[in-house]
Structures are given as structure tokens and as C-alpha cells.
Amino acid sequence: MELLCAEILYKEPQLSAKDAEDIFVEIIARAKKLDPANARKWFDKLTLVHMSGGSIEIGCPDQATVQFLHDNSRGSFTRAAQQATGHLVGVDFTVDNRKHRDKFDTDWVKSELKLHPDYTFNNFVVGPSNRLAHASCVAVSRSLGQTYNPLFLYGSSGLGKTHLLQALCWEVRKDDKNAVIQLLSCEDFVNRFIRAIETGNLSGFQNRFRNVDALVIDDIQFLREREQSQEEFFHTFNTLYNSGKQIILSADSAPTDIPSLEDRLISRFNWGLVARIDPPSYDTRVAIVQKKAHLRGLEITDQVADYVARKVQANIRELEGALTNIYAVATTTGEPITLELAQTALEGQIAASTRHISITDIITAVTRHFDVRLADLQSKKRSQSIALPRQICMYLARQLTSHSLEEIGGHLGGRDHTTVMHACSKVEDKRSDDPKVHALLNELSQEITQRPAYKH
């Protein structure tokens, strides 16, 4: 009997409301420490709805928050609750309807549309690298099917495409909670199509995706080499477009650079606006670090933000990973976030991502891609088939190494610094004017600088 009473902790009369609230505060603190990657500043705004009989119900402001916590943090909250109470307890999340909130109705999130609470326009840092993509998403959210249709965003992984797609959906539903939106990955679209064929329910699949106000598909490049899926998406695209419905797509490269994609789809993807997202500049990275730190409730100095932005340059995901590392070390040691702590926290990440790049590495990658010989690059030949690879070698060496112009020219036939400067200028112009050259340079840079991914 004593064991039973011990397990049903929250039915004991001596557990006052204050005791329950104190336990809840400890649960929040422990959950943050257990799962720094998903810890957020708004955890402190969660409420205790119910605590009894080995069950804890945590109140959230909306269904999107409920979904985020259920998908990402239920395990850490359960462990935190068990540590705080000393008993086996279960944790669940629910919308807290007890308080009046000046928020739009979010019951719609109970449908299949799952949005991340952080992925809003307010939390997106705008800079030169993403200004057009951000502005186009804002414009589309205000007038579906009328401004840019289709809207096609492209850029390397981790640069904010998914954030913008979800922010657009948040904004649309804020203005019209009855708008019908389908947001999913291309892989999910293809898998549903395959299941529809297998179960003989193709009409149900078509009804779901051809009767929407907006179809939003992430990573559309995975449609390549899937002829039947491309055929289905072609007709879905036409149906929506002819009905004045909005189509929004994202990919890792421009439509024309997606291999094995049918020409008729490439043509349609280019009908509207195609907006590129580039890696963020230093100033934008600093702003991103500060914004992400604020979302997690981290107090960091400008010096720390500067250090992270300078050391972590690949993409936004790695910046988030760096903050997670710093947060974990700070919460474990109980120390304030100083520059020294940040340096210690990121030592492993920076060491793993730092690789000495030589001009030989660059030449090897370029000669392999263009199928030319080093001797040709070092020769006096000026044919386009030789001149372009030579210029790209010079450009990448200038971008990826610390070698001087003279040193770069010396590796490529003893050319002087003015020749190298001219080559870099020409390649930069081509990169700005020709999406294919832009994609090629990104591909070569990634190959040359390939390193183990930071895990977070």
C-alpha cells in the first residue's frame, strides 16, 4: 500500500499548488539541460495544466507548439519530470485554453500541416544573400496565385529555404485560417503517390493535391529520375496553375540544373519567379547568431557572436549547431557564456571542419570535372575549353586559399598577378550572369572543401 501511494505522487494531499509549480519549474530547467538542441526561450511560458496520478499535462499557447514538443521534446520532458519527482510519470502537451490570448486561431494545425513555431518571418534574418527570396515569400503570402506563380526558391542545404516556406504558410493562415495548404517534402509527395497507386486510390490522391489554395513542396529536386511521379506532378501543376492556385517549390539548384527533370517541368518552374539563396555574409551570420541565441534565451556578447560568425561559415544549420554546443557547455558547467567558454565549446567543431586546402586540391577537382590535363592549364593555349578551367582554378584558389596572386599564377604556368586578377573578375561576372556557372562553382567548392558534417 505504501508503494502504491508513493507511485501516485500527485494524489497526495500534502502536494500543494505551490509545490506542484516548484516541481514544474524544475522540470522546465531540467528539460532545457537534457536537450539543448531543442531548448527554447518560450519554454518558460509553458504552463502547468494538470499534475496528478503519475501524469503531467503541460499547457502550450497553440497547436503548433504542442506538435513541436510532442515530436522533438517529449522524451526529454519525461526524463526531466522523472528526475524532478523521483517517480515514473508521463508527460503530455495540450493547448492551454484557460487564458485569453491575442493570437489567431490555430486549430488548423491539428491537420497534417505541421509548422515549426520558430519558422516565422519575424524570426528570419534578412541579408543580401536572401533578400529577394524573403521579399518574394512575403509578397506571395499576401496574394496567393496573383504575384509570383510559381515561386521557386533554390540554394544549398541549410540556408533557410524551409524556414521561408513555413513562414509563408504561417502568414497565409494568420490572414485566412480557412485557406487550404498542402506543405510537404517531395519525397513525401512521391511516397503518397506510390501508395495511392498500390491501393487503387489515385483519385483520392489527386483530390487532395489538386484542390488546394497553395501547394508547397520542399526539395523538389528529388522528383528527378521518377518518370511516373513527374507525369503526375505535371498534371497537378497544370490544374493548380490554370485554377489560379499558388505553387511554391524549393530545391538545391535552379530548375535548369536539376538532372533528369523533364523539359516541360523545367519550363513551368521558370514561369514565375526563381529566387536564389546564397550562403550568408559575415554581417548576416552575426545577426543570425544573435537571433538564434535570443530564441533559446541565451545571453551572448557581441564578441561571442563575432567569434561564432567568423569560425562557422558554411550554413545556418552549423551556426545553430555551434550555439547548441555553447549552450550545452554553459548549462553543464554553470558558467556564463564568455569568449573563452565559446572557444572551448567549439574547439571540436572547428577542428573537424577545418581542412587545409591546397592549389593542387583545386587543380585536381577542376581537371577531373573538365577532363583536361594539368599540362594544358599550364600551357599558353587560349581555347575556351582550356581557358575557362584555368580561370576557374584561379578564382577558386583566390576564394579558398590564402595564397597570393603571384603564387596562384605560379602554379598555372607562371602567369603574373594581373592575369589572375583578370581571370577572377571574369569568373565572378559569369557567376552572377549564368546560373549554370554559379551551380558549377558551388559544386566544385563543395567537393574541394568536403569534410565530415557536424552532428547536432
Protein backbone atom coordinates (compact mmCIF):
# COMPACT_ATOMS: atom_id res chain seq x y z
CA MET A 1 0.00 0.00 0.00
CA GLU A 2 2.88 2.36 0.82
CA LEU A 3 4.47 1.64 -2.57
CA LEU A 4 1.20 2.40 -4.36
CA CYS A 5 0.89 5.72 -2.54
CA ALA A 6 4.47 6.58 -3.42
CA GLU A 7 3.88 5.93 -7.12
CA ILE A 8 0.70 8.01 -7.22
CA LEU A 9 2.59 11.04 -6.01
CA TYR A 10 0.22 13.69 -7.21
CA LYS A 11 -2.82 12.42 -5.35
CA GLU A 12 -1.12 13.02 -2.03
CA PRO A 13 -2.84 15.86 -0.17
CA GLN A 14 0.41 17.41 1.03
CA LEU A 15 1.36 18.39 -2.56
CA SER A 16 0.14 21.98 -2.61
CA ALA A 17 -0.30 24.15 -5.70
CA LYS A 18 2.98 25.86 -4.83
CA ASP A 19 4.76 22.51 -4.54
CA ALA A 20 3.42 21.50 -7.95
CA GLU A 21 4.55 24.78 -9.51
CA ASP A 22 8.01 24.42 -7.97
CA ILE A 23 8.29 20.93 -9.43
CA PHE A 24 7.14 22.25 -12.80
CA VAL A 25 9.80 24.99 -12.80
CA GLU A 26 12.42 22.33 -12.09
CA ILE A 27 11.07 20.16 -14.91
CA ILE A 28 11.46 23.02 -17.40
CA ALA A 29 15.03 23.71 -16.23
CA ARG A 30 15.98 20.04 -16.46
CA ALA A 31 14.35 19.62 -19.90
CA LYS A 32 16.43 22.51 -21.26
CA LYS A 33 19.59 20.96 -19.91
CA LEU A 34 18.78 17.47 -21.19
CA ASP A 35 18.03 18.62 -24.74
CA PRO A 36 19.94 21.82 -25.59
CA ALA A 37 19.36 21.39 -29.32
CA ASN A 38 15.59 21.85 -28.92
CA ALA A 39 15.55 24.12 -25.85
CA ARG A 40 13.78 27.42 -26.50
CA LYS A 41 13.26 30.64 -24.59
CA TRP A 42 9.49 30.18 -24.79
CA PHE A 43 9.72 27.02 -22.67
CA ASP A 44 9.40 29.43 -19.72
CA LYS A 45 5.93 30.42 -20.98
CA LEU A 46 4.60 26.87 -20.84
CA THR A 47 2.03 26.29 -18.11
CA LEU A 48 1.13 23.50 -15.73
CA VAL A 49 -2.39 22.35 -16.55
CA HIS A 50 -2.61 19.15 -14.55
CA MET A 51 -0.37 17.15 -12.24
CA SER A 52 -1.78 14.03 -10.57
CA GLY A 53 -1.87 10.27 -10.69
CA GLY A 54 1.56 9.94 -12.30
CA SER A 55 0.55 12.23 -15.17
CA ILE A 56 1.68 15.75 -16.02
CA GLU A 57 -0.15 17.85 -18.60
CA ILE A 58 1.74 20.86 -19.93
CA GLY A 59 -0.12 23.79 -21.47
CA CYS A 60 1.03 25.39 -24.74
CA PRO A 61 -0.15 28.59 -26.47
CA ASP A 62 -1.15 26.85 -29.70
CA GLN A 63 -1.28 23.55 -31.52
CA ALA A 64 1.95 24.20 -33.43
CA THR A 65 3.84 24.37 -30.13
CA VAL A 66 2.11 21.18 -28.98
CA GLN A 67 3.23 19.45 -32.18
CA PHE A 68 6.82 20.69 -31.86
CA LEU A 69 7.15 19.49 -28.26
CA HIS A 70 5.46 16.18 -28.99
CA ASP A 71 7.73 15.48 -31.98
CA ASN A 72 11.01 16.81 -30.56
CA SER A 73 10.96 17.11 -26.79
CA ARG A 74 8.59 14.60 -25.24
CA GLY A 75 11.39 12.27 -24.23
CA SER A 76 13.47 14.99 -22.58
CA PHE A 77 10.43 16.38 -20.71
CA THR A 78 9.51 12.89 -19.49
CA ARG A 79 13.05 12.26 -18.22
CA ALA A 80 13.10 15.71 -16.62
CA ALA A 81 9.79 15.02 -14.87
CA GLN A 82 11.01 11.69 -13.56
CA GLN A 83 14.21 13.29 -12.27
CA ALA A 84 12.33 16.16 -10.62
CA THR A 85 9.73 13.95 -8.94
CA GLY A 86 11.70 10.77 -8.36
CA HIS A 87 8.84 8.70 -9.79
CA LEU A 88 7.72 7.15 -13.06
CA VAL A 89 5.45 9.75 -14.59
CA GLY A 90 4.12 10.50 -18.05
CA VAL A 91 4.13 13.88 -19.79
CA ASP A 92 1.74 15.17 -22.41
CA PHE A 93 1.15 18.53 -24.09
CA THR A 94 -2.09 20.35 -24.80
CA VAL A 95 -3.33 23.78 -25.85
CA ASP A 96 -3.99 25.79 -22.68
CA ASN A 97 -7.39 27.39 -23.29
CA ARG A 98 -7.67 28.80 -19.77
CA LYS A 99 -6.04 32.11 -20.68
CA HIS A 100 -7.19 34.65 -23.26
CA ARG A 101 -4.59 35.13 -25.94
CA ASP A 102 -4.44 37.73 -28.66
CA LYS A 103 -3.47 35.09 -31.19
CA PHE A 104 -5.17 33.90 -34.33
CA ASP A 105 -7.00 30.61 -34.17
CA THR A 106 -4.51 27.78 -34.68
CA ASP A 107 -6.83 24.78 -34.60
CA TRP A 108 -5.95 24.29 -38.24
CA VAL A 109 -2.55 22.95 -37.21
CA LYS A 110 -4.32 19.81 -35.99
CA SER A 111 -4.47 18.84 -39.64
CA GLU A 112 -1.46 17.42 -41.48
CA LEU A 113 0.05 20.90 -41.84
CA LYS A 114 2.92 20.81 -39.33
CA LEU A 115 4.74 24.10 -38.83
CA HIS A 116 7.76 24.84 -36.66
CA PRO A 117 6.98 27.58 -34.08
CA ASP A 118 10.33 29.29 -34.80
CA TYR A 119 9.91 29.41 -38.58
CA THR A 120 8.15 32.76 -38.97
CA PHE A 121 9.06 35.87 -40.90
CA ASN A 122 9.81 37.67 -37.62
CA ASN A 123 12.49 35.10 -36.83
CA PHE A 124 14.09 35.17 -40.28
CA VAL A 125 17.24 37.26 -40.64
CA VAL A 126 17.27 39.13 -43.95
CA GLY A 127 20.56 39.92 -45.68
CA PRO A 128 21.96 40.42 -49.18
CA SER A 129 22.14 36.65 -49.71
CA ASN A 130 18.40 36.04 -49.21
CA ARG A 131 16.68 39.40 -49.66
CA LEU A 132 14.90 38.54 -52.92
CA ALA A 133 13.72 35.16 -51.63
CA HIS A 134 12.35 36.70 -48.43
CA ALA A 135 10.61 39.57 -50.22
CA SER A 136 9.02 37.22 -52.75
CA CYS A 137 7.69 34.93 -49.99
CA VAL A 138 6.18 37.90 -48.15
CA ALA A 139 4.56 39.11 -51.37
CA VAL A 140 3.13 35.67 -52.19
CA SER A 141 1.73 35.24 -48.67
CA ARG A 142 -0.35 38.38 -49.19
CA SER A 143 -1.82 37.42 -52.56
CA LEU A 144 -1.80 33.72 -53.36
CA GLY A 145 -1.75 32.93 -57.05
CA GLN A 146 -1.51 36.57 -58.09
CA THR A 147 2.05 37.79 -57.54
CA TYR A 148 4.68 35.17 -58.40
CA ASN A 149 3.30 31.85 -59.56
CA PRO A 150 5.05 29.55 -59.32
CA LEU A 151 7.59 30.73 -56.77
CA PHE A 152 10.81 28.70 -56.91
CA LEU A 153 13.49 29.06 -54.22
CA TYR A 154 16.86 27.38 -54.57
CA GLY A 155 20.15 27.20 -52.71
CA SER A 156 22.39 24.80 -50.85
CA SER A 157 21.22 22.87 -47.81
CA GLY A 158 20.87 24.75 -44.54
CA LEU A 159 20.42 28.28 -45.92
CA GLY A 160 16.80 28.88 -44.84
CA LYS A 161 14.58 27.61 -47.65
CA THR A 162 12.41 25.51 -45.34
CA HIS A 163 12.17 28.39 -42.89
CA LEU A 164 10.81 30.68 -45.61
CA LEU A 165 8.30 28.11 -46.88
CA GLN A 166 6.89 27.59 -43.40
CA ALA A 167 6.90 31.31 -42.62
CA LEU A 168 4.84 31.86 -45.77
CA CYS A 169 2.33 29.24 -44.59
CA TRP A 170 2.15 30.81 -41.12
CA GLU A 171 1.37 34.19 -42.67
CA VAL A 172 -1.29 32.84 -45.03
CA ARG A 173 -3.13 31.04 -42.25
CA LYS A 174 -2.89 34.05 -39.96
CA ASP A 175 -4.80 36.07 -42.53
CA ASP A 176 -7.15 33.26 -43.59
CA LYS A 177 -7.50 30.27 -41.29
CA ASN A 178 -9.72 28.57 -43.87
CA ALA A 179 -7.05 28.59 -46.60
CA VAL A 180 -6.26 25.06 -47.74
CA ILE A 181 -2.49 24.48 -47.79
CA GLN A 182 -0.53 21.33 -48.51
CA LEU A 183 3.07 21.61 -47.26
CA LEU A 184 5.27 18.54 -47.67
CA SER A 185 8.59 17.28 -48.94
CA CYS A 186 8.97 15.96 -52.47
CA GLU A 187 9.83 12.56 -51.01
CA ASP A 188 6.52 12.55 -49.12
CA PHE A 189 4.65 13.57 -52.28
CA VAL A 190 6.24 10.71 -54.24
CA ASN A 191 5.62 8.15 -51.49
CA ARG A 192 1.96 9.14 -51.23
CA PHE A 193 1.61 8.87 -54.98
CA ILE A 194 3.10 5.37 -54.92
CA ARG A 195 0.78 4.30 -52.09
CA ALA A 196 -2.20 5.72 -53.97
CA ILE A 197 -1.34 3.57 -56.97
CA GLU A 198 -0.78 0.49 -54.81
CA THR A 199 -4.11 0.91 -53.02
CA GLY A 200 -6.05 1.92 -56.10
CA ASN A 201 -6.87 5.35 -54.66
CA LEU A 202 -5.31 7.64 -57.25
CA SER A 203 -8.46 9.78 -57.39
CA GLY A 204 -8.17 10.42 -53.64
CA PHE A 205 -4.55 11.47 -54.06
CA GLN A 206 -5.42 13.83 -56.91
CA ASN A 207 -8.32 15.30 -54.98
CA ARG A 208 -6.04 16.06 -52.03
CA PHE A 209 -3.38 17.89 -54.02
CA ARG A 210 -5.39 19.48 -56.83
CA ASN A 211 -7.98 21.16 -54.62
CA VAL A 212 -5.84 23.46 -52.53
CA ASP A 213 -5.20 27.18 -52.32
CA ALA A 214 -1.45 26.59 -52.11
CA LEU A 215 0.77 23.59 -52.79
CA VAL A 216 4.19 23.94 -51.12
CA ILE A 217 6.81 21.29 -51.84
CA ASP A 218 10.29 21.27 -50.34
CA ASP A 219 13.29 19.67 -52.11
CA ILE A 220 11.55 19.25 -55.47
CA GLN A 221 14.87 18.05 -56.95
CA PHE A 222 14.02 14.56 -55.66
CA LEU A 223 11.45 14.36 -58.44
CA ARG A 224 14.30 13.63 -60.83
CA GLU A 225 14.53 10.19 -62.42
CA ARG A 226 10.95 9.40 -61.37
CA GLU A 227 9.10 9.46 -64.67
CA GLN A 228 5.67 8.44 -63.39
CA SER A 229 5.83 10.89 -60.49
CA GLN A 230 6.94 13.66 -62.85
CA GLU A 231 3.96 12.89 -65.07
CA GLU A 232 1.58 13.14 -62.12
CA PHE A 233 3.15 16.34 -60.82
CA PHE A 234 2.99 17.86 -64.31
CA HIS A 235 -0.80 17.43 -64.40
CA THR A 236 -1.16 18.58 -60.78
CA PHE A 237 0.87 21.69 -61.61
CA ASN A 238 -1.27 22.46 -64.65
CA THR A 239 -4.52 22.01 -62.74
CA LEU A 240 -3.47 24.34 -59.95
CA TYR A 241 -1.91 26.93 -62.23
CA ASN A 242 -4.93 27.09 -64.55
CA SER A 243 -7.17 27.50 -61.49
CA GLY A 244 -5.13 30.45 -60.22
CA LYS A 245 -3.86 28.49 -57.21
CA GLN A 246 -0.42 29.12 -55.75
CA ILE A 247 2.54 26.77 -56.30
CA ILE A 248 5.68 27.18 -54.20
CA LEU A 249 8.74 24.97 -54.65
CA SER A 250 12.26 24.74 -53.28
CA ALA A 251 15.34 22.87 -54.48
CA ASP A 252 19.09 22.75 -54.05
CA SER A 253 19.67 24.10 -57.55
CA ALA A 254 17.95 26.13 -60.25
CA PRO A 255 15.30 24.35 -62.40
CA THR A 256 17.62 24.08 -65.40
CA ASP A 257 20.32 22.44 -63.26
CA ILE A 258 18.17 19.62 -61.83
CA PRO A 259 19.33 16.48 -63.66
CA SER A 260 16.86 14.11 -65.33
CA LEU A 261 13.98 16.56 -64.96
CA GLU A 262 11.62 16.76 -67.93
CA ASP A 263 11.93 19.90 -70.07
CA ARG A 264 8.22 20.64 -69.72
CA LEU A 265 8.58 20.78 -65.92
CA ILE A 266 11.73 22.92 -66.15
CA SER A 267 9.81 25.31 -68.39
CA ARG A 268 6.90 25.57 -65.95
CA PHE A 269 9.15 26.05 -62.93
CA ASN A 270 10.62 29.05 -64.72
CA TRP A 271 7.22 30.62 -65.48
CA GLY A 272 7.13 32.60 -62.26
CA LEU A 273 9.95 33.90 -60.09
CA VAL A 274 13.12 31.90 -59.46
CA ALA A 275 14.96 33.26 -56.41
CA ARG A 276 18.39 32.12 -55.29
CA ILE A 277 19.57 31.96 -51.67
CA ASP A 278 23.34 32.21 -51.16
CA PRO A 279 25.43 31.48 -48.05
CA PRO A 280 25.09 34.37 -45.57
CA SER A 281 27.71 37.11 -45.39
CA TYR A 282 29.63 37.78 -42.19
CA ASP A 283 27.25 40.55 -41.05
CA THR A 284 24.24 38.33 -41.73
CA ARG A 285 25.85 35.46 -39.83
CA VAL A 286 26.35 37.69 -36.80
CA ALA A 287 22.69 38.71 -36.92
CA ILE A 288 21.63 35.04 -37.28
CA VAL A 289 23.72 34.03 -34.26
CA GLN A 290 22.15 36.80 -32.18
CA LYS A 291 18.63 35.91 -33.32
CA LYS A 292 19.08 32.18 -32.68
CA ALA A 293 20.60 32.89 -29.27
CA HIS A 294 17.63 35.09 -28.36
CA LEU A 295 15.18 32.33 -29.34
CA ARG A 296 16.99 29.99 -26.96
CA GLY A 297 17.17 32.54 -24.16
CA LEU A 298 20.96 32.75 -24.35
CA GLU A 299 22.76 35.90 -23.29
CA ILE A 300 25.77 36.29 -25.56
CA THR A 301 28.05 39.24 -26.07
CA ASP A 302 28.87 40.84 -29.41
CA GLN A 303 32.34 39.36 -29.02
CA VAL A 304 30.95 35.82 -28.81
CA ALA A 305 28.60 36.40 -31.75
CA ASP A 306 31.53 37.73 -33.79
CA TYR A 307 33.64 34.68 -32.92
CA VAL A 308 30.93 32.19 -33.91
CA ALA A 309 30.18 34.04 -37.16
CA ARG A 310 33.83 34.09 -38.16
CA LYS A 311 34.55 30.47 -37.30
CA VAL A 312 31.35 28.88 -38.64
CA GLN A 313 30.68 29.93 -42.22
CA ALA A 314 29.07 27.02 -44.07
CA ASN A 315 25.37 27.47 -43.36
CA ILE A 316 22.71 28.32 -40.79
CA ARG A 317 22.42 24.76 -39.51
CA GLU A 318 26.06 24.78 -38.48
CA LEU A 319 25.55 28.11 -36.73
CA GLU A 320 22.66 26.55 -34.80
CA GLY A 321 24.85 23.57 -34.00
CA ALA A 322 27.53 25.88 -32.64
CA LEU A 323 25.01 27.58 -30.34
CA THR A 324 23.80 24.18 -29.16
CA ASN A 325 27.38 23.26 -28.25
CA ILE A 326 27.86 26.53 -26.37
CA TYR A 327 24.53 26.16 -24.58
CA ALA A 328 25.34 22.60 -23.54
CA VAL A 329 28.73 23.53 -22.10
CA ALA A 330 27.32 26.58 -20.30
CA THR A 331 24.45 24.65 -18.70
CA THR A 332 26.71 21.73 -17.75
CA THR A 333 29.38 23.89 -16.12
CA GLY A 334 27.03 26.55 -14.79
CA GLU A 335 29.36 29.22 -16.16
CA PRO A 336 28.35 32.38 -18.06
CA ILE A 337 28.87 32.40 -21.82
CA THR A 338 32.22 34.10 -22.33
CA LEU A 339 34.52 34.14 -25.34
CA GLU A 340 36.74 31.59 -23.61
CA LEU A 341 33.79 29.26 -23.00
CA ALA A 342 32.68 29.60 -26.64
CA GLN A 343 36.19 28.79 -27.84
CA THR A 344 36.27 25.69 -25.66
CA ALA A 345 32.79 24.61 -26.73
CA LEU A 346 33.54 24.96 -30.45
CA GLU A 347 37.04 23.56 -30.43
CA GLY A 348 35.93 20.14 -31.68
CA GLN A 349 33.51 21.50 -34.28
CA ILE A 350 36.04 23.91 -35.75
CA ALA A 351 38.79 21.29 -35.76
CA ALA A 352 36.51 18.84 -37.58
CA SER A 353 35.53 21.41 -40.19
CA THR A 354 38.95 22.93 -40.75
CA ARG A 355 40.92 21.42 -43.60
CA HIS A 356 43.98 22.78 -45.33
CA ILE A 357 43.16 23.36 -48.97
CA SER A 358 46.00 23.48 -51.46
CA ILE A 359 46.07 24.73 -55.02
CA THR A 360 46.77 21.13 -56.01
CA ASP A 361 43.40 20.11 -54.47
CA ILE A 362 41.69 22.73 -56.62
CA ILE A 363 43.51 21.82 -59.81
CA THR A 364 42.73 18.13 -59.29
CA ALA A 365 39.00 18.81 -58.92
CA VAL A 366 38.84 21.16 -61.92
CA THR A 367 40.87 18.96 -64.28
CA ARG A 368 38.73 15.96 -63.34
CA HIS A 369 35.49 17.85 -63.97
CA PHE A 370 36.56 19.35 -67.33
CA ASP A 371 38.61 16.31 -68.38
CA VAL A 372 41.72 18.38 -69.15
CA ARG A 373 45.38 17.87 -68.25
CA LEU A 374 47.43 19.97 -65.84
CA ALA A 375 49.92 20.49 -68.65
CA ASP A 376 47.17 22.13 -70.72
CA LEU A 377 46.27 24.52 -67.89
CA GLN A 378 49.92 25.49 -67.51
CA SER A 379 50.40 25.93 -71.26
CA LYS A 380 49.88 29.04 -73.40
CA LYS A 381 46.74 27.60 -75.00
CA ARG A 382 43.84 30.07 -75.05
CA SER A 383 41.00 27.97 -76.43
CA GLN A 384 37.76 28.22 -74.43
CA SER A 385 37.99 24.55 -73.42
CA ILE A 386 41.29 25.31 -71.65
CA ALA A 387 40.92 28.99 -70.72
CA LEU A 388 37.72 28.55 -68.70
CA PRO A 389 39.03 25.72 -66.47
CA ARG A 390 42.25 27.70 -65.95
CA GLN A 391 40.30 30.79 -64.92
CA ILE A 392 38.11 28.74 -62.58
CA CYS A 393 41.24 27.31 -60.93
CA MET A 394 42.49 30.84 -60.31
CA TYR A 395 39.13 32.01 -59.00
CA LEU A 396 38.71 29.07 -56.59
CA ALA A 397 42.30 29.36 -55.40
CA ARG A 398 41.65 33.02 -54.60
CA GLN A 399 38.42 32.12 -52.77
CA LEU A 400 39.52 29.00 -50.90
CA THR A 401 43.20 29.54 -50.09
CA SER A 402 45.39 32.27 -48.62
CA HIS A 403 47.88 32.17 -51.46
CA SER A 404 48.89 35.44 -53.10
CA LEU A 405 48.02 36.28 -56.70
CA GLU A 406 51.64 35.64 -57.68
CA GLU A 407 51.63 32.20 -56.03
CA ILE A 408 48.40 31.25 -57.77
CA GLY A 409 49.75 32.36 -61.13
CA GLY A 410 52.96 30.46 -60.50
CA HIS A 411 51.08 27.18 -60.18
CA LEU A 412 49.35 27.79 -63.51
CA GLY A 413 52.15 28.36 -65.94
CA GLY A 414 53.95 31.28 -64.29
CA ARG A 415 51.25 33.85 -65.02
CA ASP A 416 51.51 37.26 -63.36
CA HIS A 417 49.14 38.74 -60.77
CA THR A 418 47.26 40.90 -63.28
CA THR A 419 46.32 37.78 -65.28
CA VAL A 420 44.99 36.15 -62.12
CA MET A 421 43.02 39.27 -61.20
CA HIS A 422 41.50 39.41 -64.68
CA ALA A 423 40.56 35.71 -64.52
CA CYS A 424 38.88 36.13 -61.12
CA SER A 425 36.91 39.12 -62.38
CA LYS A 426 35.70 37.24 -65.47
CA VAL A 427 34.60 34.21 -63.46
CA GLU A 428 32.79 36.40 -60.93
CA ASP A 429 30.89 38.07 -63.80
CA LYS A 430 29.96 34.67 -65.23
CA ARG A 431 28.84 33.51 -61.81
CA SER A 432 26.48 36.48 -61.49
CA ASP A 433 25.09 36.19 -65.01
CA ASP A 434 24.91 32.44 -65.59
CA PRO A 435 23.09 30.16 -63.08
CA LYS A 436 24.87 27.13 -64.52
CA VAL A 437 28.28 28.63 -63.76
CA HIS A 438 27.06 29.57 -60.30
CA ALA A 439 25.94 25.98 -59.67
CA LEU A 440 29.21 24.59 -61.04
CA LEU A 441 31.33 26.77 -58.77
CA ASN A 442 29.26 25.74 -55.77
CA GLU A 443 29.62 22.09 -56.73
CA LEU A 444 33.39 22.34 -57.13
CA SER A 445 33.77 24.31 -53.90
CA GLN A 446 31.79 21.70 -52.01
CA GLU A 447 33.87 18.88 -53.47
CA ILE A 448 37.13 20.62 -52.61
CA THR A 449 36.15 21.58 -49.09
CA GLN A 450 34.28 18.34 -48.32
CA ARG A 451 34.54 17.49 -44.66
CA PRO A 452 32.65 15.42 -42.05
CA ALA A 453 29.27 17.01 -41.28
CA TYR A 454 28.81 18.49 -37.83
CA LYS A 455 26.18 16.46 -35.98
CA HIS A 456 23.67 18.19 -33.75
